[in-house]
Amino acid sequence: MGLIKFIKEEIQVVQERDPAIKSPIEVILYPTFRVMLSYRRAHRLYQKGHFFRARYISQRAARKTGIEIHPGAEIGKGFFIDHGSGVIIGETTIIGDNVTLYQGVTLGGTGKETGKRHPTLCDNVMVSAGAKILGSFTIGENSKIGAGSVVLEEVPPNCTVVGVPGRIVKRDNQKVPRIDMDQINLPDPVKEDLTALQRENTALCNKIIDLENKLKELQGIHKERN
């Protein structure tokens, strides 16, 4: 891909997904633009077997941007990292088209595998701030990973995952994450469980109070008879 075409595509991606941008020229200041420019060069070198030069370029980019992308990773078009500091993408990661990552995301391995060690993210996946996806499994297209989640197993398409460890809290997402870009208004299963427990506790307390009142009434009747 030529530099001019790359810049035009990056401008389009950033304008689509970041409301903070005020002019197209700002794109060259974005860490995602700078790190992806370095990644494309490093990835070409990596594919040709120039591993040291590839790693040298990627490590320089990591020091400058705070985003570490191994040159062996495969990344599709329309990729966007918002803010970006602390993002780590492992060597055997595969990322489809129009994927969005936020700051602090790790696409890593478990440390026990060989070969394909890192996750595969299909098209239109969004991974929210601080989330960790660890292992060689697939995150299905149009899925959304909530902030701070730790995902350790495969996620089907069109799902929302939250929690530690991550669990599916919503299926059949209707909105494409890259259009929606909402990483806050997600289902909270822990809160829902606590709310249900509180309701059950209140109901039990009310039953106990009713039983105590009935017991007092029976005791009063018993005393009157005696």
C-alpha atoms as a PDB file:
ATOM      1  CA  MET A   1       0.000   0.000   0.000  1.00  0.00           C
ATOM      2  CA  GLY A   2       1.353   3.443  -0.950  1.00  0.00           C
ATOM      3  CA  LEU A   3       1.906   6.099   1.702  1.00  0.00           C
ATOM      4  CA  ILE A   4      -0.707   8.487   0.283  1.00  0.00           C
ATOM      5  CA  LYS A   5      -3.351   5.760   0.126  1.00  0.00           C
ATOM      6  CA  PHE A   6      -2.470   4.674   3.663  1.00  0.00           C
ATOM      7  CA  ILE A   7      -2.811   8.231   4.991  1.00  0.00           C
ATOM      8  CA  LYS A   8      -6.188   8.686   3.262  1.00  0.00           C
ATOM      9  CA  GLU A   9      -7.502   5.445   4.730  1.00  0.00           C
ATOM     10  CA  GLU A  10      -6.243   6.318   8.220  1.00  0.00           C
ATOM     11  CA  ILE A  11      -7.914   9.743   8.032  1.00  0.00           C
ATOM     12  CA  GLN A  12     -11.196   8.058   7.136  1.00  0.00           C
ATOM     13  CA  VAL A  13     -10.886   5.518   9.967  1.00  0.00           C
ATOM     14  CA  VAL A  14     -10.013   8.090  12.631  1.00  0.00           C
ATOM     15  CA  GLN A  15     -12.739  10.509  11.541  1.00  0.00           C
ATOM     16  CA  GLU A  16     -15.279   7.698  11.679  1.00  0.00           C
ATOM     17  CA  ARG A  17     -14.382   6.512  15.188  1.00  0.00           C
ATOM     18  CA  ASP A  18     -12.969   9.450  17.143  1.00  0.00           C
ATOM     19  CA  PRO A  19     -15.224  12.495  17.678  1.00  0.00           C
ATOM     20  CA  ALA A  20     -12.264  14.425  19.118  1.00  0.00           C
ATOM     21  CA  ILE A  21     -10.641  14.952  15.716  1.00  0.00           C
ATOM     22  CA  LYS A  22     -11.137  18.474  14.398  1.00  0.00           C
ATOM     23  CA  SER A  23      -9.152  18.352  11.148  1.00  0.00           C
ATOM     24  CA  PRO A  24      -7.719  15.609   8.924  1.00  0.00           C
ATOM     25  CA  ILE A  25      -4.133  16.777   9.487  1.00  0.00           C
ATOM     26  CA  GLU A  26      -4.436  15.784  13.153  1.00  0.00           C
ATOM     27  CA  VAL A  27      -4.319  12.147  12.092  1.00  0.00           C
ATOM     28  CA  ILE A  28      -0.533  12.267  11.735  1.00  0.00           C
ATOM     29  CA  LEU A  29      -0.332  13.054  15.479  1.00  0.00           C
ATOM     30  CA  TYR A  30      -2.304   9.963  16.474  1.00  0.00           C
ATOM     31  CA  PRO A  31      -0.276   7.102  17.996  1.00  0.00           C
ATOM     32  CA  THR A  32      -2.316   4.586  15.983  1.00  0.00           C
ATOM     33  CA  PHE A  33      -1.251   6.277  12.737  1.00  0.00           C
ATOM     34  CA  ARG A  34       2.433   6.332  13.640  1.00  0.00           C
ATOM     35  CA  VAL A  35       2.555   2.807  15.011  1.00  0.00           C
ATOM     36  CA  MET A  36       0.668   1.348  12.040  1.00  0.00           C
ATOM     37  CA  LEU A  37       3.019   3.090   9.625  1.00  0.00           C
ATOM     38  CA  SER A  38       5.920   1.382  11.404  1.00  0.00           C
ATOM     39  CA  TYR A  39       4.048  -1.922  11.666  1.00  0.00           C
ATOM     40  CA  ARG A  40       3.410  -2.123   7.909  1.00  0.00           C
ATOM     41  CA  ARG A  41       7.133  -1.678   7.223  1.00  0.00           C
ATOM     42  CA  ALA A  42       8.148  -4.123   9.936  1.00  0.00           C
ATOM     43  CA  HIS A  43       5.600  -6.722   8.827  1.00  0.00           C
ATOM     44  CA  ARG A  44       6.931  -6.687   5.251  1.00  0.00           C
ATOM     45  CA  LEU A  45      10.471  -7.228   6.558  1.00  0.00           C
ATOM     46  CA  TYR A  46       9.275 -10.007   8.870  1.00  0.00           C
ATOM     47  CA  GLN A  47       7.602 -11.817   5.969  1.00  0.00           C
ATOM     48  CA  LYS A  48      10.899 -11.679   4.050  1.00  0.00           C
ATOM     49  CA  GLY A  49      12.796 -13.188   6.988  1.00  0.00           C
ATOM     50  CA  HIS A  50      14.513  -9.979   8.119  1.00  0.00           C
ATOM     51  CA  PHE A  51      13.512 -10.595  11.723  1.00  0.00           C
ATOM     52  CA  PHE A  52      16.038  -8.355  13.494  1.00  0.00           C
ATOM     53  CA  ARG A  53      15.297  -5.314  11.333  1.00  0.00           C
ATOM     54  CA  ALA A  54      11.571  -5.939  11.746  1.00  0.00           C
ATOM     55  CA  ARG A  55      11.843  -6.115  15.535  1.00  0.00           C
ATOM     56  CA  TYR A  56      14.081  -3.040  15.608  1.00  0.00           C
ATOM     57  CA  ILE A  57      11.414  -0.984  13.826  1.00  0.00           C
ATOM     58  CA  SER A  58       8.600  -2.319  15.994  1.00  0.00           C
ATOM     59  CA  GLN A  59      10.491  -1.705  19.247  1.00  0.00           C
ATOM     60  CA  ARG A  60      11.321   1.880  18.241  1.00  0.00           C
ATOM     61  CA  ALA A  61       7.631   2.448  17.504  1.00  0.00           C
ATOM     62  CA  ALA A  62       6.705   0.926  20.883  1.00  0.00           C
ATOM     63  CA  ARG A  63       9.028   3.323  22.721  1.00  0.00           C
ATOM     64  CA  LYS A  64       7.584   6.317  20.881  1.00  0.00           C
ATOM     65  CA  THR A  65       3.882   5.426  21.068  1.00  0.00           C
ATOM     66  CA  GLY A  66       3.459   3.031  24.014  1.00  0.00           C
ATOM     67  CA  ILE A  67       1.891   0.519  21.587  1.00  0.00           C
ATOM     68  CA  GLU A  68       3.724  -2.775  21.060  1.00  0.00           C
ATOM     69  CA  ILE A  69       2.777  -4.693  17.917  1.00  0.00           C
ATOM     70  CA  HIS A  70       4.882  -7.710  17.038  1.00  0.00           C
ATOM     71  CA  PRO A  71       5.803  -7.556  13.328  1.00  0.00           C
ATOM     72  CA  GLY A  72       4.583 -11.127  12.885  1.00  0.00           C
ATOM     73  CA  ALA A  73       0.982 -10.208  13.724  1.00  0.00           C
ATOM     74  CA  GLU A  74      -1.482 -10.073  10.828  1.00  0.00           C
ATOM     75  CA  ILE A  75      -3.712  -6.988  10.794  1.00  0.00           C
ATOM     76  CA  GLY A  76      -6.460  -6.199   8.310  1.00  0.00           C
ATOM     77  CA  LYS A  77      -7.650  -2.864   6.973  1.00  0.00           C
ATOM     78  CA  GLY A  78      -9.553  -0.253   8.965  1.00  0.00           C
ATOM     79  CA  PHE A  79      -7.690  -1.050  12.198  1.00  0.00           C
ATOM     80  CA  PHE A  80      -7.916   1.639  14.898  1.00  0.00           C
ATOM     81  CA  ILE A  81      -6.389   2.019  18.361  1.00  0.00           C
ATOM     82  CA  ASP A  82      -7.960   4.808  20.427  1.00  0.00           C
ATOM     83  CA  HIS A  83      -5.403   6.526  22.704  1.00  0.00           C
ATOM     84  CA  GLY A  84      -3.273   3.377  22.630  1.00  0.00           C
ATOM     85  CA  SER A  85      -0.871   3.508  25.567  1.00  0.00           C
ATOM     86  CA  GLY A  86      -0.211   0.034  26.950  1.00  0.00           C
ATOM     87  CA  VAL A  87      -1.601  -1.936  23.991  1.00  0.00           C
ATOM     88  CA  ILE A  88       0.249  -5.213  23.320  1.00  0.00           C
ATOM     89  CA  ILE A  89      -0.342  -7.422  20.279  1.00  0.00           C
ATOM     90  CA  GLY A  90       1.455 -10.767  20.164  1.00  0.00           C
ATOM     91  CA  GLU A  91       3.295 -12.439  17.303  1.00  0.00           C
ATOM     92  CA  THR A  92       0.629 -14.887  16.096  1.00  0.00           C
ATOM     93  CA  THR A  93      -2.325 -12.563  16.556  1.00  0.00           C
ATOM     94  CA  ILE A  94      -4.658 -12.300  13.572  1.00  0.00           C
ATOM     95  CA  ILE A  95      -6.900  -9.239  13.320  1.00  0.00           C
ATOM     96  CA  GLY A  96      -9.634  -8.869  10.716  1.00  0.00           C
ATOM     97  CA  ASP A  97     -11.009  -5.699   9.131  1.00  0.00           C
ATOM     98  CA  ASN A  98     -12.411  -2.680  10.990  1.00  0.00           C
ATOM     99  CA  VAL A  99     -11.309  -3.796  14.454  1.00  0.00           C
ATOM    100  CA  THR A 100     -11.057  -1.234  17.280  1.00  0.00           C
ATOM    101  CA  LEU A 101      -8.887  -1.473  20.403  1.00  0.00           C
ATOM    102  CA  TYR A 102      -8.732   0.937  23.327  1.00  0.00           C
ATOM    103  CA  GLN A 103      -5.818   1.693  25.629  1.00  0.00           C
ATOM    104  CA  GLY A 104      -4.352  -1.015  27.818  1.00  0.00           C
ATOM    105  CA  VAL A 105      -5.591  -3.938  25.704  1.00  0.00           C
ATOM    106  CA  THR A 106      -3.485  -7.108  25.578  1.00  0.00           C
ATOM    107  CA  LEU A 107      -3.813  -9.705  22.848  1.00  0.00           C
ATOM    108  CA  GLY A 108      -1.474 -12.254  24.350  1.00  0.00           C
ATOM    109  CA  GLY A 109      -0.654 -15.897  24.887  1.00  0.00           C
ATOM    110  CA  THR A 110      -0.886 -18.060  27.972  1.00  0.00           C
ATOM    111  CA  GLY A 111       2.819 -18.863  28.051  1.00  0.00           C
ATOM    112  CA  LYS A 112       2.195 -22.611  27.603  1.00  0.00           C
ATOM    113  CA  GLU A 113       1.557 -22.917  23.890  1.00  0.00           C
ATOM    114  CA  THR A 114       3.671 -23.215  20.756  1.00  0.00           C
ATOM    115  CA  GLY A 115       2.751 -22.331  17.195  1.00  0.00           C
ATOM    116  CA  LYS A 116      -0.461 -20.272  17.131  1.00  0.00           C
ATOM    117  CA  ARG A 117      -0.365 -18.765  20.620  1.00  0.00           C
ATOM    118  CA  HIS A 118      -2.404 -15.578  20.348  1.00  0.00           C
ATOM    119  CA  PRO A 119      -6.052 -14.750  19.621  1.00  0.00           C
ATOM    120  CA  THR A 120      -7.814 -14.207  16.326  1.00  0.00           C
ATOM    121  CA  LEU A 121     -10.190 -11.233  16.159  1.00  0.00           C
ATOM    122  CA  CYS A 122     -12.690 -11.359  13.312  1.00  0.00           C
ATOM    123  CA  ASP A 123     -14.128  -8.335  11.484  1.00  0.00           C
ATOM    124  CA  ASN A 124     -15.740  -5.448  13.398  1.00  0.00           C
ATOM    125  CA  VAL A 125     -14.664  -6.543  16.878  1.00  0.00           C
ATOM    126  CA  MET A 126     -14.281  -3.875  19.585  1.00  0.00           C
ATOM    127  CA  VAL A 127     -12.079  -4.468  22.636  1.00  0.00           C
ATOM    128  CA  SER A 128     -12.598  -1.894  25.400  1.00  0.00           C
ATOM    129  CA  ALA A 129     -10.012  -0.289  27.679  1.00  0.00           C
ATOM    130  CA  GLY A 130      -7.857  -2.589  29.788  1.00  0.00           C
ATOM    131  CA  ALA A 131      -9.301  -5.853  28.458  1.00  0.00           C
ATOM    132  CA  LYS A 132      -7.044  -8.914  28.148  1.00  0.00           C
ATOM    133  CA  ILE A 133      -7.595 -11.673  25.586  1.00  0.00           C
ATOM    134  CA  LEU A 134      -5.205 -14.536  26.266  1.00  0.00           C
ATOM    135  CA  GLY A 135      -4.861 -17.677  24.177  1.00  0.00           C
ATOM    136  CA  SER A 136      -5.172 -19.061  20.652  1.00  0.00           C
ATOM    137  CA  PHE A 137      -8.937 -18.872  20.144  1.00  0.00           C
ATOM    138  CA  THR A 138     -11.306 -16.740  18.077  1.00  0.00           C
ATOM    139  CA  ILE A 139     -13.416 -13.703  18.917  1.00  0.00           C
ATOM    140  CA  GLY A 140     -16.313 -13.812  16.457  1.00  0.00           C
ATOM    141  CA  GLU A 141     -17.248 -10.927  14.190  1.00  0.00           C
ATOM    142  CA  ASN A 142     -19.232  -7.973  15.546  1.00  0.00           C
ATOM    143  CA  SER A 143     -18.450  -8.966  19.138  1.00  0.00           C
ATOM    144  CA  LYS A 144     -17.675  -6.530  21.930  1.00  0.00           C
ATOM    145  CA  ILE A 145     -15.349  -7.075  24.892  1.00  0.00           C
ATOM    146  CA  GLY A 146     -16.111  -4.917  27.949  1.00  0.00           C
ATOM    147  CA  ALA A 147     -13.545  -2.760  29.759  1.00  0.00           C
ATOM    148  CA  GLY A 148     -11.254  -4.658  32.122  1.00  0.00           C
ATOM    149  CA  SER A 149     -12.506  -8.085  31.037  1.00  0.00           C
ATOM    150  CA  VAL A 150     -10.205 -11.111  30.895  1.00  0.00           C
ATOM    151  CA  VAL A 151     -11.235 -13.429  28.057  1.00  0.00           C
ATOM    152  CA  LEU A 152      -9.833 -16.959  28.135  1.00  0.00           C
ATOM    153  CA  GLU A 153     -12.070 -18.852  25.708  1.00  0.00           C
ATOM    154  CA  GLU A 154     -13.733 -18.535  22.323  1.00  0.00           C
ATOM    155  CA  VAL A 155     -16.492 -15.983  21.779  1.00  0.00           C
ATOM    156  CA  PRO A 156     -19.168 -16.584  19.088  1.00  0.00           C
ATOM    157  CA  PRO A 157     -20.099 -13.830  16.627  1.00  0.00           C
ATOM    158  CA  ASN A 158     -22.362 -10.926  17.698  1.00  0.00           C
ATOM    159  CA  CYS A 159     -21.760 -11.327  21.444  1.00  0.00           C
ATOM    160  CA  THR A 160     -20.916  -9.016  24.343  1.00  0.00           C
ATOM    161  CA  VAL A 161     -18.465 -10.278  26.973  1.00  0.00           C
ATOM    162  CA  VAL A 162     -17.721  -8.729  30.378  1.00  0.00           C
ATOM    163  CA  GLY A 163     -16.109  -9.761  33.647  1.00  0.00           C
ATOM    164  CA  VAL A 164     -13.139 -11.657  35.072  1.00  0.00           C
ATOM    165  CA  PRO A 165     -13.071 -14.249  33.735  1.00  0.00           C
ATOM    166  CA  GLY A 166     -15.098 -12.977  30.810  1.00  0.00           C
ATOM    167  CA  ARG A 167     -18.520 -14.417  30.186  1.00  0.00           C
ATOM    168  CA  ILE A 168     -21.111 -13.775  27.523  1.00  0.00           C
ATOM    169  CA  VAL A 169     -23.835 -11.447  28.787  1.00  0.00           C
ATOM    170  CA  LYS A 170     -25.507 -10.635  25.501  1.00  0.00           C
ATOM    171  CA  ARG A 171     -25.971 -12.457  22.205  1.00  0.00           C
ATOM    172  CA  ASP A 172     -27.118 -11.351  18.761  1.00  0.00           C
ATOM    173  CA  ASN A 173     -25.813  -7.787  18.968  1.00  0.00           C
ATOM    174  CA  GLN A 174     -27.830  -5.604  16.617  1.00  0.00           C
ATOM    175  CA  LYS A 175     -25.305  -2.780  16.273  1.00  0.00           C
ATOM    176  CA  VAL A 176     -21.876  -3.059  14.685  1.00  0.00           C
ATOM    177  CA  PRO A 177     -19.356  -2.104  17.425  1.00  0.00           C
ATOM    178  CA  ARG A 178     -17.266   0.163  15.185  1.00  0.00           C
ATOM    179  CA  ILE A 179     -20.398   2.236  14.507  1.00  0.00           C
ATOM    180  CA  ASP A 180     -21.764   2.069  18.042  1.00  0.00           C
ATOM    181  CA  MET A 181     -18.371   2.571  19.819  1.00  0.00           C
ATOM    182  CA  ASP A 182     -20.098   2.235  23.206  1.00  0.00           C
ATOM    183  CA  GLN A 183     -17.865   0.634  25.842  1.00  0.00           C
ATOM    184  CA  ILE A 184     -19.857   1.810  28.874  1.00  0.00           C
ATOM    185  CA  ASN A 185     -23.521   0.816  28.554  1.00  0.00           C
ATOM    186  CA  LEU A 186     -22.962  -2.929  28.747  1.00  0.00           C
ATOM    187  CA  PRO A 187     -24.872  -5.507  30.798  1.00  0.00           C
ATOM    188  CA  ASP A 188     -23.409  -5.980  34.291  1.00  0.00           C
ATOM    189  CA  PRO A 189     -24.048  -9.584  35.407  1.00  0.00           C
ATOM    190  CA  VAL A 190     -22.484  -9.052  38.840  1.00  0.00           C
ATOM    191  CA  LYS A 191     -24.774  -6.112  39.545  1.00  0.00           C
ATOM    192  CA  GLU A 192     -27.766  -8.088  38.255  1.00  0.00           C
ATOM    193  CA  ASP A 193     -26.885 -11.034  40.534  1.00  0.00           C
ATOM    194  CA  LEU A 194     -26.470  -8.742  43.549  1.00  0.00           C
ATOM    195  CA  THR A 195     -29.788  -7.028  42.817  1.00  0.00           C
ATOM    196  CA  ALA A 196     -31.516 -10.422  42.597  1.00  0.00           C
ATOM    197  CA  LEU A 197     -29.932 -11.499  45.902  1.00  0.00           C
ATOM    198  CA  GLN A 198     -31.056  -8.263  47.551  1.00  0.00           C
ATOM    199  CA  ARG A 199     -34.632  -8.842  46.381  1.00  0.00           C
ATOM    200  CA  GLU A 200     -34.584 -12.416  47.680  1.00  0.00           C
ATOM    201  CA  ASN A 201     -33.083 -11.275  50.989  1.00  0.00           C
ATOM    202  CA  THR A 202     -35.775  -8.621  51.402  1.00  0.00           C
ATOM    203  CA  ALA A 203     -38.497 -11.173  50.660  1.00  0.00           C
ATOM    204  CA  LEU A 204     -37.046 -13.618  53.204  1.00  0.00           C
ATOM    205  CA  CYS A 205     -36.795 -10.900  55.853  1.00  0.00           C
ATOM    206  CA  ASN A 206     -40.434  -9.950  55.297  1.00  0.00           C
ATOM    207  CA  LYS A 207     -41.473 -13.619  55.643  1.00  0.00           C
ATOM    208  CA  ILE A 208     -39.533 -13.907  58.913  1.00  0.00           C
ATOM    209  CA  ILE A 209     -41.215 -10.759  60.267  1.00  0.00           C
ATOM    210  CA  ASP A 210     -44.642 -12.156  59.311  1.00  0.00           C
ATOM    211  CA  LEU A 211     -43.853 -15.465  61.024  1.00  0.00           C
ATOM    212  CA  GLU A 212     -42.634 -13.668  64.171  1.00  0.00           C
ATOM    213  CA  ASN A 213     -45.849 -11.604  64.307  1.00  0.00           C
ATOM    214  CA  LYS A 214     -47.987 -14.733  63.899  1.00  0.00           C
ATOM    215  CA  LEU A 215     -45.979 -16.474  66.627  1.00  0.00           C
ATOM    216  CA  LYS A 216     -46.562 -13.540  68.985  1.00  0.00           C
ATOM    217  CA  GLU A 217     -50.288 -13.659  68.232  1.00  0.00           C
ATOM    218  CA  LEU A 218     -50.409 -17.401  68.984  1.00  0.00           C
ATOM    219  CA  GLN A 219     -48.463 -16.886  72.214  1.00  0.00           C
ATOM    220  CA  GLY A 220     -50.914 -14.138  73.256  1.00  0.00           C
ATOM    221  CA  ILE A 221     -53.924 -16.376  72.548  1.00  0.00           C
ATOM    222  CA  HIS A 222     -52.294 -19.196  74.509  1.00  0.00           C
ATOM    223  CA  LYS A 223     -51.739 -16.930  77.546  1.00  0.00           C
ATOM    224  CA  GLU A 224     -55.369 -15.694  77.468  1.00  0.00           C
ATOM    225  CA  ARG A 225     -56.658 -19.256  77.489  1.00  0.00           C
ATOM    226  CA  ASN A 226     -54.465 -20.146  80.427  1.00  0.00           C
END
